[in-house]
PDB file of N, CA and C in Angstrom:
ATOM      1  N   MET A   1    -148.462  44.497   5.181  1.00  0.00           N
ATOM      2  CA  MET A   1    -148.543  45.837   6.045  1.00  0.00           C
ATOM      3  C   MET A   1    -147.159  46.576   6.609  1.00  0.00           C
ATOM      4  N   THR A   2    -146.929  47.651   6.513  1.00  0.00           N
ATOM      5  CA  THR A   2    -145.820  48.225   6.986  1.00  0.00           C
ATOM      6  C   THR A   2    -145.141  47.765   8.288  1.00  0.00           C
ATOM      7  N   GLU A   3    -144.122  47.439   8.585  1.00  0.00           N
ATOM      8  CA  GLU A   3    -143.766  47.005   9.973  1.00  0.00           C
ATOM      9  C   GLU A   3    -143.650  48.684  10.421  1.00  0.00           C
ATOM     10  N   LEU A   4    -143.964  48.961  11.603  1.00  0.00           N
ATOM     11  CA  LEU A   4    -143.571  49.963  12.453  1.00  0.00           C
ATOM     12  C   LEU A   4    -142.971  49.794  13.806  1.00  0.00           C
ATOM     13  N   THR A   5    -141.960  50.910  14.186  1.00  0.00           N
ATOM     14  CA  THR A   5    -141.088  50.327  15.203  1.00  0.00           C
ATOM     15  C   THR A   5    -142.248  50.874  16.210  1.00  0.00           C
ATOM     16  N   LYS A   6    -141.965  50.790  17.593  1.00  0.00           N
ATOM     17  CA  LYS A   6    -142.907  51.134  18.716  1.00  0.00           C
ATOM     18  C   LYS A   6    -142.984  52.470  18.646  1.00  0.00           C
ATOM     19  N   GLU A   7    -141.713  53.215  18.677  1.00  0.00           N
ATOM     20  CA  GLU A   7    -141.602  54.766  18.568  1.00  0.00           C
ATOM     21  C   GLU A   7    -142.495  55.397  17.305  1.00  0.00           C
ATOM     22  N   GLN A   8    -142.397  54.397  16.189  1.00  0.00           N
ATOM     23  CA  GLN A   8    -143.369  55.197  15.024  1.00  0.00           C
ATOM     24  C   GLN A   8    -144.856  55.017  15.389  1.00  0.00           C
ATOM     25  N   GLN A   9    -145.055  53.894  15.892  1.00  0.00           N
ATOM     26  CA  GLN A   9    -146.592  53.773  16.387  1.00  0.00           C
ATOM     27  C   GLN A   9    -147.008  54.705  17.454  1.00  0.00           C
ATOM     28  N   THR A  10    -146.046  54.952  18.035  1.00  0.00           N
ATOM     29  CA  THR A  10    -146.383  56.217  19.497  1.00  0.00           C
ATOM     30  C   THR A  10    -146.475  57.537  18.581  1.00  0.00           C
ATOM     31  N   GLU A  11    -145.702  57.826  17.832  1.00  0.00           N
ATOM     32  CA  GLU A  11    -145.652  58.995  17.368  1.00  0.00           C
ATOM     33  C   GLU A  11    -146.831  59.328  16.279  1.00  0.00           C
ATOM     34  N   PHE A  12    -147.211  58.036  15.590  1.00  0.00           N
ATOM     35  CA  PHE A  12    -148.274  58.561  14.748  1.00  0.00           C
ATOM     36  C   PHE A  12    -149.482  58.454  15.380  1.00  0.00           C
ATOM     37  N   GLU A  13    -149.651  57.481  16.376  1.00  0.00           N
ATOM     38  CA  GLU A  13    -150.998  57.576  17.266  1.00  0.00           C
ATOM     39  C   GLU A  13    -150.877  59.104  17.922  1.00  0.00           C
ATOM     40  N   ALA A  14    -150.070  59.559  18.392  1.00  0.00           N
ATOM     41  CA  ALA A  14    -150.081  60.877  19.030  1.00  0.00           C
ATOM     42  C   ALA A  14    -150.293  62.086  18.010  1.00  0.00           C
ATOM     43  N   ALA A  15    -149.962  61.851  16.524  1.00  0.00           N
ATOM     44  CA  ALA A  15    -150.250  62.968  15.633  1.00  0.00           C
ATOM     45  C   ALA A  15    -151.681  62.878  15.061  1.00  0.00           C
ATOM     46  N   ALA A  16    -152.325  61.406  15.273  1.00  0.00           N
ATOM     47  CA  ALA A  16    -153.788  61.486  14.824  1.00  0.00           C
ATOM     48  C   ALA A  16    -154.688  61.842  16.253  1.00  0.00           C
ATOM     49  N   PHE A  17    -154.177  61.819  17.246  1.00  0.00           N
ATOM     50  CA  PHE A  17    -154.812  62.282  18.454  1.00  0.00           C
ATOM     51  C   PHE A  17    -154.891  63.840  18.502  1.00  0.00           C
ATOM     52  N   ARG A  18    -153.654  64.160  17.900  1.00  0.00           N
ATOM     53  CA  ARG A  18    -153.611  65.907  17.951  1.00  0.00           C
ATOM     54  C   ARG A  18    -154.602  66.223  17.003  1.00  0.00           C
ATOM     55  N   ARG A  19    -154.620  65.542  15.877  1.00  0.00           N
ATOM     56  CA  ARG A  19    -155.322  65.769  14.690  1.00  0.00           C
ATOM     57  C   ARG A  19    -156.864  65.963  14.805  1.00  0.00           C
ATOM     58  N   LEU A  20    -157.099  65.056  15.803  1.00  0.00           N
ATOM     59  CA  LEU A  20    -158.715  64.514  16.346  1.00  0.00           C
ATOM     60  C   LEU A  20    -159.045  65.931  17.104  1.00  0.00           C
ATOM     61  N   LEU A  21    -158.297  66.349  18.084  1.00  0.00           N
ATOM     62  CA  LEU A  21    -158.251  67.358  18.940  1.00  0.00           C
ATOM     63  C   LEU A  21    -158.572  68.605  18.042  1.00  0.00           C
ATOM     64  N   ALA A  22    -157.559  68.833  17.002  1.00  0.00           N
ATOM     65  CA  ALA A  22    -157.873  70.050  16.394  1.00  0.00           C
ATOM     66  C   ALA A  22    -159.232  69.957  15.408  1.00  0.00           C
ATOM     67  N   HIS A  23    -159.757  68.830  15.106  1.00  0.00           N
ATOM     68  CA  HIS A  23    -160.835  68.922  14.121  1.00  0.00           C
ATOM     69  C   HIS A  23    -161.958  68.879  14.970  1.00  0.00           C
ATOM     70  N   LEU A  24    -161.718  68.569  16.459  1.00  0.00           N
ATOM     71  CA  LEU A  24    -162.797  68.909  17.495  1.00  0.00           C
ATOM     72  C   LEU A  24    -163.032  70.114  17.893  1.00  0.00           C
ATOM     73  N   ASP A  25    -162.096  70.903  17.740  1.00  0.00           N
ATOM     74  CA  ASP A  25    -161.836  72.372  18.403  1.00  0.00           C
ATOM     75  C   ASP A  25    -162.336  73.047  16.868  1.00  0.00           C
ATOM     76  N   ALA A  26    -162.257  72.716  15.730  1.00  0.00           N
ATOM     77  CA  ALA A  26    -162.547  73.592  14.687  1.00  0.00           C
ATOM     78  C   ALA A  26    -164.235  73.143  14.550  1.00  0.00           C
ATOM     79  N   ARG A  27    -164.905  72.130  15.126  1.00  0.00           N
ATOM     80  CA  ARG A  27    -166.081  71.746  15.139  1.00  0.00           C
ATOM     81  C   ARG A  27    -166.773  72.007  16.539  1.00  0.00           C
ATOM     82  N   GLY A  28    -166.622  73.139  17.057  1.00  0.00           N
ATOM     83  CA  GLY A  28    -167.444  73.347  18.296  1.00  0.00           C
ATOM     84  C   GLY A  28    -168.783  73.350  18.290  1.00  0.00           C
ATOM     85  N   ASP A  29    -169.509  73.330  16.942  1.00  0.00           N
ATOM     86  CA  ASP A  29    -170.950  73.526  17.003  1.00  0.00           C
ATOM     87  C   ASP A  29    -171.474  72.032  17.118  1.00  0.00           C
ATOM     88  N   VAL A  30    -170.415  70.745  16.986  1.00  0.00           N
ATOM     89  CA  VAL A  30    -170.619  69.513  17.314  1.00  0.00           C
ATOM     90  C   VAL A  30    -171.039  69.288  18.826  1.00  0.00           C
ATOM     91  N   GLN A  31    -172.027  69.086  19.398  1.00  0.00           N
ATOM     92  CA  GLN A  31    -172.051  69.138  20.959  1.00  0.00           C
ATOM     93  C   GLN A  31    -171.372  67.390  21.273  1.00  0.00           C
ATOM     94  N   ASN A  32    -171.221  67.551  22.913  1.00  0.00           N
ATOM     95  CA  ASN A  32    -171.139  66.408  23.227  1.00  0.00           C
ATOM     96  C   ASN A  32    -172.051  65.320  22.957  1.00  0.00           C
ATOM     97  N   ILE A  33    -173.152  65.676  23.205  1.00  0.00           N
ATOM     98  CA  ILE A  33    -174.175  64.748  23.198  1.00  0.00           C
ATOM     99  C   ILE A  33    -174.608  64.007  21.959  1.00  0.00           C
ATOM    100  N   ASP A  34    -174.263  64.897  20.857  1.00  0.00           N
ATOM    101  CA  ASP A  34    -174.552  64.259  19.595  1.00  0.00           C
ATOM    102  C   ASP A  34    -173.322  63.468  19.173  1.00  0.00           C
ATOM    103  N   LEU A  35    -171.912  63.598  19.834  1.00  0.00           N
ATOM    104  CA  LEU A  35    -170.810  62.669  19.495  1.00  0.00           C
ATOM    105  C   LEU A  35    -171.514  61.138  20.339  1.00  0.00           C
ATOM    106  N   MET A  36    -171.761  61.423  21.698  1.00  0.00           N
ATOM    107  CA  MET A  36    -172.150  60.079  22.273  1.00  0.00           C
ATOM    108  C   MET A  36    -173.410  59.468  21.500  1.00  0.00           C
ATOM    109  N   ASN A  37    -174.203  60.211  21.153  1.00  0.00           N
ATOM    110  CA  ASN A  37    -175.235  59.550  20.194  1.00  0.00           C
ATOM    111  C   ASN A  37    -174.719  58.859  19.054  1.00  0.00           C
ATOM    112  N   LEU A  38    -173.998  59.265  18.478  1.00  0.00           N
ATOM    113  CA  LEU A  38    -173.233  59.004  17.290  1.00  0.00           C
ATOM    114  C   LEU A  38    -172.022  58.098  17.476  1.00  0.00           C
ATOM    115  N   ALA A  39    -171.800  58.360  18.409  1.00  0.00           N
ATOM    116  CA  ALA A  39    -170.265  57.321  18.320  1.00  0.00           C
ATOM    117  C   ALA A  39    -169.872  56.523  19.531  1.00  0.00           C
ATOM    118  N   GLY A  40    -170.685  56.927  20.380  1.00  0.00           N
ATOM    119  CA  GLY A  40    -170.488  56.490  21.930  1.00  0.00           C
ATOM    120  C   GLY A  40    -169.450  56.899  22.709  1.00  0.00           C
ATOM    121  N   PHE A  41    -169.016  57.972  22.204  1.00  0.00           N
ATOM    122  CA  PHE A  41    -167.807  58.880  23.226  1.00  0.00           C
ATOM    123  C   PHE A  41    -168.180  60.400  22.894  1.00  0.00           C
ATOM    124  N   CYS A  42    -167.271  61.116  23.814  1.00  0.00           N
ATOM    125  CA  CYS A  42    -167.269  62.470  23.441  1.00  0.00           C
ATOM    126  C   CYS A  42    -165.835  63.191  23.794  1.00  0.00           C
ATOM    127  N   ARG A  43    -166.005  64.409  23.822  1.00  0.00           N
ATOM    128  CA  ARG A  43    -164.774  65.185  24.566  1.00  0.00           C
ATOM    129  C   ARG A  43    -164.310  64.772  25.739  1.00  0.00           C
ATOM    130  N   ASN A  44    -165.151  64.761  26.725  1.00  0.00           N
ATOM    131  CA  ASN A  44    -165.077  64.406  28.193  1.00  0.00           C
ATOM    132  C   ASN A  44    -164.561  63.102  28.206  1.00  0.00           C
ATOM    133  N   CYS A  45    -165.014  61.993  27.528  1.00  0.00           N
ATOM    134  CA  CYS A  45    -164.671  60.657  27.487  1.00  0.00           C
ATOM    135  C   CYS A  45    -162.876  60.706  27.295  1.00  0.00           C
ATOM    136  N   LEU A  46    -162.705  61.618  25.936  1.00  0.00           N
ATOM    137  CA  LEU A  46    -161.097  61.621  25.579  1.00  0.00           C
ATOM    138  C   LEU A  46    -160.435  62.138  26.847  1.00  0.00           C
ATOM    139  N   ALA A  47    -161.154  63.301  27.319  1.00  0.00           N
ATOM    140  CA  ALA A  47    -160.222  63.576  28.635  1.00  0.00           C
ATOM    141  C   ALA A  47    -160.177  62.687  29.797  1.00  0.00           C
ATOM    142  N   ASN A  48    -161.200  62.071  29.890  1.00  0.00           N
ATOM    143  CA  ASN A  48    -160.994  60.994  30.839  1.00  0.00           C
ATOM    144  C   ASN A  48    -159.932  59.497  30.460  1.00  0.00           C
ATOM    145  N   TRP A  49    -159.919  59.327  29.120  1.00  0.00           N
ATOM    146  CA  TRP A  49    -158.941  58.383  28.772  1.00  0.00           C
ATOM    147  C   TRP A  49    -157.484  59.023  28.749  1.00  0.00           C
ATOM    148  N   TYR A  50    -157.364  60.423  28.321  1.00  0.00           N
ATOM    149  CA  TYR A  50    -156.238  60.782  28.461  1.00  0.00           C
ATOM    150  C   TYR A  50    -155.542  60.891  30.026  1.00  0.00           C
ATOM    151  N   ARG A  51    -156.600  61.427  31.011  1.00  0.00           N
ATOM    152  CA  ARG A  51    -156.174  61.105  32.373  1.00  0.00           C
ATOM    153  C   ARG A  51    -156.058  59.832  32.962  1.00  0.00           C
ATOM    154  N   ASP A  52    -156.456  59.021  32.464  1.00  0.00           N
ATOM    155  CA  ASP A  52    -156.286  57.565  32.590  1.00  0.00           C
ATOM    156  C   ASP A  52    -154.717  57.015  32.377  1.00  0.00           C
ATOM    157  N   ALA A  53    -154.276  57.578  31.222  1.00  0.00           N
ATOM    158  CA  ALA A  53    -153.081  57.154  30.431  1.00  0.00           C
ATOM    159  C   ALA A  53    -152.281  57.428  31.566  1.00  0.00           C
ATOM    160  N   ALA A  54    -152.345  59.117  31.770  1.00  0.00           N
ATOM    161  CA  ALA A  54    -151.237  59.905  32.957  1.00  0.00           C
ATOM    162  C   ALA A  54    -151.258  59.046  33.932  1.00  0.00           C
ATOM    163  N   GLU A  55    -152.427  58.732  34.656  1.00  0.00           N
ATOM    164  CA  GLU A  55    -152.304  58.168  35.963  1.00  0.00           C
ATOM    165  C   GLU A  55    -151.696  56.703  35.917  1.00  0.00           C
ATOM    166  N   ALA A  56    -151.818  56.120  34.735  1.00  0.00           N
ATOM    167  CA  ALA A  56    -151.026  54.792  34.393  1.00  0.00           C
ATOM    168  C   ALA A  56    -149.759  54.849  34.805  1.00  0.00           C
ATOM    169  N   SER A  57    -149.008  55.895  34.049  1.00  0.00           N
ATOM    170  CA  SER A  57    -147.685  56.248  33.990  1.00  0.00           C
ATOM    171  C   SER A  57    -147.012  56.760  35.202  1.00  0.00           C
ATOM    172  N   GLY A  58    -148.088  57.058  36.289  1.00  0.00           N
ATOM    173  CA  GLY A  58    -147.535  57.552  37.339  1.00  0.00           C
ATOM    174  C   GLY A  58    -147.671  59.375  37.398  1.00  0.00           C
ATOM    175  N   VAL A  59    -148.246  59.666  36.709  1.00  0.00           N
ATOM    176  CA  VAL A  59    -148.438  61.057  36.392  1.00  0.00           C
ATOM    177  C   VAL A  59    -149.865  61.603  36.989  1.00  0.00           C
ATOM    178  N   ALA A  60    -149.804  62.463  38.200  1.00  0.00           N
ATOM    179  CA  ALA A  60    -151.376  62.936  38.409  1.00  0.00           C
ATOM    180  C   ALA A  60    -151.887  64.229  37.563  1.00  0.00           C
ATOM    181  N   LEU A  61    -152.946  63.951  37.216  1.00  0.00           N
ATOM    182  CA  LEU A  61    -153.428  64.653  36.048  1.00  0.00           C
ATOM    183  C   LEU A  61    -155.006  65.181  36.782  1.00  0.00           C
ATOM    184  N   SER A  62    -155.442  66.275  37.074  1.00  0.00           N
ATOM    185  CA  SER A  62    -156.844  66.438  37.151  1.00  0.00           C
ATOM    186  C   SER A  62    -157.678  66.248  36.258  1.00  0.00           C
ATOM    187  N   LYS A  63    -159.270  66.325  36.715  1.00  0.00           N
ATOM    188  CA  LYS A  63    -160.137  65.968  35.704  1.00  0.00           C
ATOM    189  C   LYS A  63    -160.086  67.298  34.918  1.00  0.00           C
ATOM    190  N   ASP A  64    -160.168  68.963  35.641  1.00  0.00           N
ATOM    191  CA  ASP A  64    -160.143  69.753  34.766  1.00  0.00           C
ATOM    192  C   ASP A  64    -159.026  69.931  33.851  1.00  0.00           C
ATOM    193  N   GLU A  65    -157.753  69.534  34.541  1.00  0.00           N
ATOM    194  CA  GLU A  65    -156.401  69.627  33.581  1.00  0.00           C
ATOM    195  C   GLU A  65    -156.661  68.911  32.304  1.00  0.00           C
ATOM    196  N   ALA A  66    -156.957  67.714  32.417  1.00  0.00           N
ATOM    197  CA  ALA A  66    -157.413  66.667  31.081  1.00  0.00           C
ATOM    198  C   ALA A  66    -158.252  67.170  30.437  1.00  0.00           C
ATOM    199  N   ARG A  67    -159.346  68.149  30.987  1.00  0.00           N
ATOM    200  CA  ARG A  67    -160.473  68.486  30.135  1.00  0.00           C
ATOM    201  C   ARG A  67    -159.978  69.685  29.199  1.00  0.00           C
ATOM    202  N   ALA A  68    -158.801  70.639  30.002  1.00  0.00           N
ATOM    203  CA  ALA A  68    -158.333  71.736  29.277  1.00  0.00           C
ATOM    204  C   ALA A  68    -157.439  70.987  28.147  1.00  0.00           C
ATOM    205  N   ILE A  69    -156.645  70.259  28.247  1.00  0.00           N
ATOM    206  CA  ILE A  69    -156.100  69.616  27.217  1.00  0.00           C
ATOM    207  C   ILE A  69    -156.889  69.195  25.939  1.00  0.00           C
ATOM    208  N   VAL A  70    -157.745  68.473  26.291  1.00  0.00           N
ATOM    209  CA  VAL A  70    -158.761  68.113  25.287  1.00  0.00           C
ATOM    210  C   VAL A  70    -159.441  69.654  24.655  1.00  0.00           C
ATOM    211  N   TYR A  71    -160.139  70.132  25.221  1.00  0.00           N
ATOM    212  CA  TYR A  71    -160.929  71.182  25.050  1.00  0.00           C
ATOM    213  C   TYR A  71    -160.322  72.356  24.610  1.00  0.00           C
ATOM    214  N   GLY A  72    -158.919  72.614  24.962  1.00  0.00           N
ATOM    215  CA  GLY A  72    -158.175  73.498  24.464  1.00  0.00           C
ATOM    216  C   GLY A  72    -158.319  74.739  25.149  1.00  0.00           C
ATOM    217  N   MET A  73    -159.012  74.661  26.236  1.00  0.00           N
ATOM    218  CA  MET A  73    -159.412  75.915  27.070  1.00  0.00           C
ATOM    219  C   MET A  73    -159.960  75.153  28.267  1.00  0.00           C
ATOM    220  N   PRO A  74    -160.309  76.060  29.404  1.00  0.00           N
ATOM    221  CA  PRO A  74    -160.862  75.360  30.480  1.00  0.00           C
ATOM    222  C   PRO A  74    -162.237  74.958  30.014  1.00  0.00           C
ATOM    223  N   TYR A  75    -162.797  73.903  30.657  1.00  0.00           N
ATOM    224  CA  TYR A  75    -164.095  73.447  30.373  1.00  0.00           C
ATOM    225  C   TYR A  75    -165.364  74.256  30.408  1.00  0.00           C
ATOM    226  N   GLU A  76    -165.347  75.093  31.575  1.00  0.00           N
ATOM    227  CA  GLU A  76    -166.314  76.050  31.748  1.00  0.00           C
ATOM    228  C   GLU A  76    -166.230  77.055  30.657  1.00  0.00           C
ATOM    229  N   ALA A  77    -165.135  77.503  30.192  1.00  0.00           N
ATOM    230  CA  ALA A  77    -165.054  78.601  29.047  1.00  0.00           C
ATOM    231  C   ALA A  77    -165.524  77.811  27.709  1.00  0.00           C
ATOM    232  N   TRP A  78    -165.260  76.413  27.303  1.00  0.00           N
ATOM    233  CA  TRP A  78    -165.760  75.968  26.340  1.00  0.00           C
ATOM    234  C   TRP A  78    -167.342  75.674  26.369  1.00  0.00           C
ATOM    235  N   ARG A  79    -167.868  75.686  27.518  1.00  0.00           N
ATOM    236  CA  ARG A  79    -169.348  75.461  27.574  1.00  0.00           C
ATOM    237  C   ARG A  79    -169.911  76.681  27.259  1.00  0.00           C
ATOM    238  N   GLU A  80    -169.439  77.911  27.944  1.00  0.00           N
ATOM    239  CA  GLU A  80    -170.028  79.104  27.646  1.00  0.00           C
ATOM    240  C   GLU A  80    -169.962  79.518  26.212  1.00  0.00           C
ATOM    241  N   ARG A  81    -168.995  79.296  25.587  1.00  0.00           N
ATOM    242  CA  ARG A  81    -168.731  79.481  24.064  1.00  0.00           C
ATOM    243  C   ARG A  81    -169.544  78.653  23.278  1.00  0.00           C
ATOM    244  N   HIS A  82    -169.701  77.190  23.516  1.00  0.00           N
ATOM    245  CA  HIS A  82    -170.231  76.388  22.315  1.00  0.00           C
ATOM    246  C   HIS A  82    -171.666  75.596  23.025  1.00  0.00           C
ATOM    247  N   GLN A  83    -171.400  75.291  24.021  1.00  0.00           N
ATOM    248  CA  GLN A  83    -172.649  74.310  24.541  1.00  0.00           C
ATOM    249  C   GLN A  83    -173.889  74.783  24.567  1.00  0.00           C
ATOM    250  N   LYS A  84    -174.855  74.524  23.639  1.00  0.00           N
ATOM    251  CA  LYS A  84    -176.135  74.426  23.695  1.00  0.00           C
ATOM    252  C   LYS A  84    -177.074  73.802  24.335  1.00  0.00           C
ATOM    253  N   GLU A  85    -178.492  74.127  24.503  1.00  0.00           N
ATOM    254  CA  GLU A  85    -179.241  73.153  25.133  1.00  0.00           C
ATOM    255  C   GLU A  85    -179.576  71.936  24.295  1.00  0.00           C
ATOM    256  N   ALA A  86    -179.421  70.623  24.966  1.00  0.00           N
ATOM    257  CA  ALA A  86    -179.654  69.656  23.885  1.00  0.00           C
ATOM    258  C   ALA A  86    -181.151  69.287  23.698  1.00  0.00           C
ATOM    259  N   ALA A  87    -181.388  69.195  22.488  1.00  0.00           N
ATOM    260  CA  ALA A  87    -183.121  69.047  22.153  1.00  0.00           C
ATOM    261  C   ALA A  87    -183.585  67.717  23.025  1.00  0.00           C
ATOM    262  N   PRO A  88    -184.825  67.740  23.126  1.00  0.00           N
ATOM    263  CA  PRO A  88    -185.251  66.253  23.672  1.00  0.00           C
ATOM    264  C   PRO A  88    -185.170  65.302  23.144  1.00  0.00           C
ATOM    265  N   ALA A  89    -185.069  65.133  22.048  1.00  0.00           N
ATOM    266  CA  ALA A  89    -184.618  63.628  21.253  1.00  0.00           C
ATOM    267  C   ALA A  89    -183.446  63.540  21.467  1.00  0.00           C
ATOM    268  N   ALA A  90    -182.611  64.203  21.607  1.00  0.00           N
ATOM    269  CA  ALA A  90    -181.221  63.957  21.912  1.00  0.00           C
ATOM    270  C   ALA A  90    -180.831  63.559  23.376  1.00  0.00           C
ATOM    271  N   LEU A  91    -181.815  64.196  24.161  1.00  0.00           N
ATOM    272  CA  LEU A  91    -181.580  63.614  25.434  1.00  0.00           C
ATOM    273  C   LEU A  91    -182.105  62.331  25.610  1.00  0.00           C
ATOM    274  N   ALA A  92    -183.385  62.042  24.735  1.00  0.00           N
ATOM    275  CA  ALA A  92    -183.912  60.571  24.969  1.00  0.00           C
ATOM    276  C   ALA A  92    -183.061  59.584  24.671  1.00  0.00           C
ATOM    277  N   ALA A  93    -182.170  59.852  23.411  1.00  0.00           N
ATOM    278  CA  ALA A  93    -181.257  58.962  22.597  1.00  0.00           C
ATOM    279  C   ALA A  93    -180.159  58.667  23.905  1.00  0.00           C
ATOM    280  N   PHE A  94    -179.691  59.805  24.604  1.00  0.00           N
ATOM    281  CA  PHE A  94    -178.599  59.677  25.153  1.00  0.00           C
ATOM    282  C   PHE A  94    -179.213  58.979  26.526  1.00  0.00           C
ATOM    283  N   GLU A  95    -180.343  59.055  27.009  1.00  0.00           N
ATOM    284  CA  GLU A  95    -180.520  58.093  28.102  1.00  0.00           C
ATOM    285  C   GLU A  95    -180.513  56.686  27.592  1.00  0.00           C
ATOM    286  N   ALA A  96    -181.281  56.397  26.518  1.00  0.00           N
ATOM    287  CA  ALA A  96    -181.505  55.026  25.991  1.00  0.00           C
ATOM    288  C   ALA A  96    -180.199  54.220  25.773  1.00  0.00           C
ATOM    289  N   ASN A  97    -179.291  54.868  25.196  1.00  0.00           N
ATOM    290  CA  ASN A  97    -178.022  54.419  24.895  1.00  0.00           C
ATOM    291  C   ASN A  97    -176.512  54.481  25.411  1.00  0.00           C
ATOM    292  N   ARG A  98    -177.006  55.523  26.226  1.00  0.00           N
ATOM    293  CA  ARG A  98    -175.344  55.741  27.230  1.00  0.00           C
ATOM    294  C   ARG A  98    -174.786  54.487  27.615  1.00  0.00           C
ATOM    295  N   PRO A  99    -173.519  54.485  27.699  1.00  0.00           N
ATOM    296  CA  PRO A  99    -172.694  53.390  28.027  1.00  0.00           C
ATOM    297  C   PRO A  99    -172.871  53.525  29.882  1.00  0.00           C
ATOM    298  N   ASP A 100    -172.401  52.391  30.403  1.00  0.00           N
ATOM    299  CA  ASP A 100    -172.355  52.527  31.939  1.00  0.00           C
ATOM    300  C   ASP A 100    -171.495  53.396  32.512  1.00  0.00           C
ATOM    301  N   THR A 101    -170.281  53.818  31.827  1.00  0.00           N
ATOM    302  CA  THR A 101    -169.553  54.707  32.222  1.00  0.00           C
ATOM    303  C   THR A 101    -170.047  56.187  32.283  1.00  0.00           C
ATOM    304  N   HIS A 102    -171.233  56.336  31.961  1.00  0.00           N
ATOM    305  CA  HIS A 102    -172.040  57.686  31.787  1.00  0.00           C
ATOM    306  C   HIS A 102    -173.111  57.809  32.809  1.00  0.00           C
ATOM    307  N   ARG A 103    -173.473  56.505  33.495  1.00  0.00           N
ATOM    308  CA  ARG A 103    -174.642  56.471  34.198  1.00  0.00           C
ATOM    309  C   ARG A 103    -174.192  56.955  35.809  1.00  0.00           C
TER     310      ARG A 103
END
């Protein structure tokens, strides 16, 4: 395996994260509940993890600020533009499988 410096690792992780955000931005049709049911995380989870990392570094970041970074716009604007009513089956799957962090 190629040995990476700490700086390279951080740079590549950041690039992968930016690419993930761009991919999710391009796939506004993919609902958070679908992500949760399939992968166990969603855009809100990413925003929470981003906020946790900021706070661990001593940077205060609000929930809304973190979500705007992940969504590329204010959360409410994203919801108005992209969020659809969840199907009953998707809601049932979410309730049955959601992690404790979403209870």
